[in-house]
Amino acid sequence: MIHPDTDLKIEAQTIHVIPEKETREANALHGTMRNLIANMVTGVSSGFERILEVNGIGYRVEAKDNTLTLNLGYSHPIQFPVPKGITASVDKII
């Protein structure tokens, strides 16, 4: 759904979002619409990524068989099952 104060033009490989009016609200809607479309394109073309950085003495994380094992100083390790369609990896242990 496109707000009446914005216009979309699709040309070849480019999507243009154009404000219909020169008002503060139209400019805000223009920026919001542009970012929503950019996020959709990024999600489809390259996917989304979240990076979790674990800092602390003795803290360890291991990814194995669609399960993240977190040793975070508790008396037991925390087992976190990774949902289907999501991949998890551990880059380095320092």
Protein backbone atom coordinates (compact mmCIF):
# COMPACT_ATOMS: atom_id res chain seq x y z
CA MET A 1 0.00 0.00 0.00
CA ILE A 2 1.39 3.35 -1.03
CA HIS A 3 0.52 6.58 0.73
CA PRO A 4 -1.22 9.17 -1.49
CA ASP A 5 1.60 11.66 -0.84
CA THR A 6 4.19 9.36 -2.47
CA ASP A 7 4.56 7.92 -5.95
CA LEU A 8 6.50 4.87 -7.15
CA LYS A 9 8.11 4.52 -10.55
CA ILE A 10 9.70 1.23 -11.57
CA GLU A 11 12.21 1.39 -14.42
CA ALA A 12 14.27 -1.67 -15.44
CA GLN A 13 16.34 -2.47 -12.30
CA THR A 14 15.46 0.69 -10.35
CA ILE A 15 12.59 1.72 -8.09
CA HIS A 16 12.09 5.46 -7.61
CA VAL A 17 10.11 6.79 -4.64
CA ILE A 18 8.95 10.34 -5.34
CA PRO A 19 7.17 12.64 -2.87
CA GLU A 20 4.03 14.17 -4.44
CA LYS A 21 4.12 17.24 -2.19
CA GLU A 22 6.91 19.28 -0.65
CA THR A 23 5.67 19.07 2.93
CA ARG A 24 7.43 17.83 6.01
CA GLU A 25 5.05 14.85 6.30
CA ALA A 26 5.52 13.91 2.62
CA ASN A 27 9.30 14.02 3.01
CA ALA A 28 9.12 11.81 6.11
CA LEU A 29 6.87 9.33 4.28
CA HIS A 30 9.25 9.40 1.32
CA GLY A 31 12.18 8.39 3.54
CA THR A 32 10.17 5.71 5.31
CA MET A 33 8.89 4.21 2.06
CA ARG A 34 12.37 4.26 0.52
CA ASN A 35 13.88 2.43 3.52
CA LEU A 36 11.09 -0.16 3.65
CA ILE A 37 11.62 -1.00 -0.03
CA ALA A 38 15.42 -1.07 0.39
CA ASN A 39 15.09 -3.48 3.35
CA MET A 40 12.77 -5.74 1.34
CA VAL A 41 15.22 -5.87 -1.56
CA THR A 42 18.13 -6.60 0.80
CA GLY A 43 16.19 -9.37 2.53
CA VAL A 44 15.36 -11.08 -0.75
CA SER A 45 18.74 -10.66 -2.44
CA SER A 46 21.24 -11.30 0.34
CA GLY A 47 19.28 -12.21 3.47
CA PHE A 48 19.53 -10.74 6.93
CA GLU A 49 22.32 -11.27 9.40
CA ARG A 50 22.60 -10.76 13.14
CA ILE A 51 25.94 -10.90 14.92
CA LEU A 52 26.09 -11.82 18.60
CA GLU A 53 29.37 -11.00 20.29
CA VAL A 54 29.95 -12.87 23.54
CA ASN A 55 32.53 -11.27 25.85
CA GLY A 56 33.65 -12.58 29.21
CA ILE A 57 36.20 -14.77 30.88
CA GLY A 58 35.32 -18.40 30.29
CA TYR A 59 32.32 -17.67 28.07
CA ARG A 60 32.10 -20.12 25.17
CA VAL A 61 29.65 -20.70 22.34
CA GLU A 62 29.45 -23.79 20.14
CA ALA A 63 27.20 -24.42 17.12
CA LYS A 64 26.47 -28.09 16.46
CA ASP A 65 23.55 -29.97 14.86
CA ASN A 66 21.19 -26.94 14.71
CA THR A 67 21.79 -26.20 18.39
CA LEU A 68 23.74 -23.37 19.99
CA THR A 69 25.42 -24.33 23.24
CA LEU A 70 26.20 -21.31 25.39
CA ASN A 71 28.49 -21.56 28.42
CA LEU A 72 27.92 -18.22 30.11
CA GLY A 73 28.97 -18.78 33.70
CA TYR A 74 25.85 -20.58 34.87
CA SER A 75 26.08 -23.97 36.57
CA HIS A 76 24.90 -25.61 33.33
CA PRO A 77 25.26 -24.93 29.61
CA ILE A 78 22.32 -23.32 27.84
CA GLN A 79 21.06 -25.27 24.82
CA PHE A 80 19.30 -23.08 22.23
CA PRO A 81 17.67 -24.86 19.27
CA VAL A 82 18.10 -22.95 16.01
CA PRO A 83 14.76 -22.60 14.16
CA LYS A 84 14.34 -24.08 10.67
CA GLY A 85 15.42 -21.75 7.88
CA ILE A 86 18.02 -20.04 10.07
CA THR A 87 21.71 -20.88 10.13
CA ALA A 88 24.07 -20.24 13.02
CA SER A 89 27.85 -20.27 13.00
CA VAL A 90 30.64 -19.53 15.45
CA ASP A 91 33.54 -17.67 13.87
CA LYS A 92 36.33 -17.75 16.41
CA ILE A 93 37.24 -18.64 19.95
CA ILE A 94 39.75 -16.38 21.63
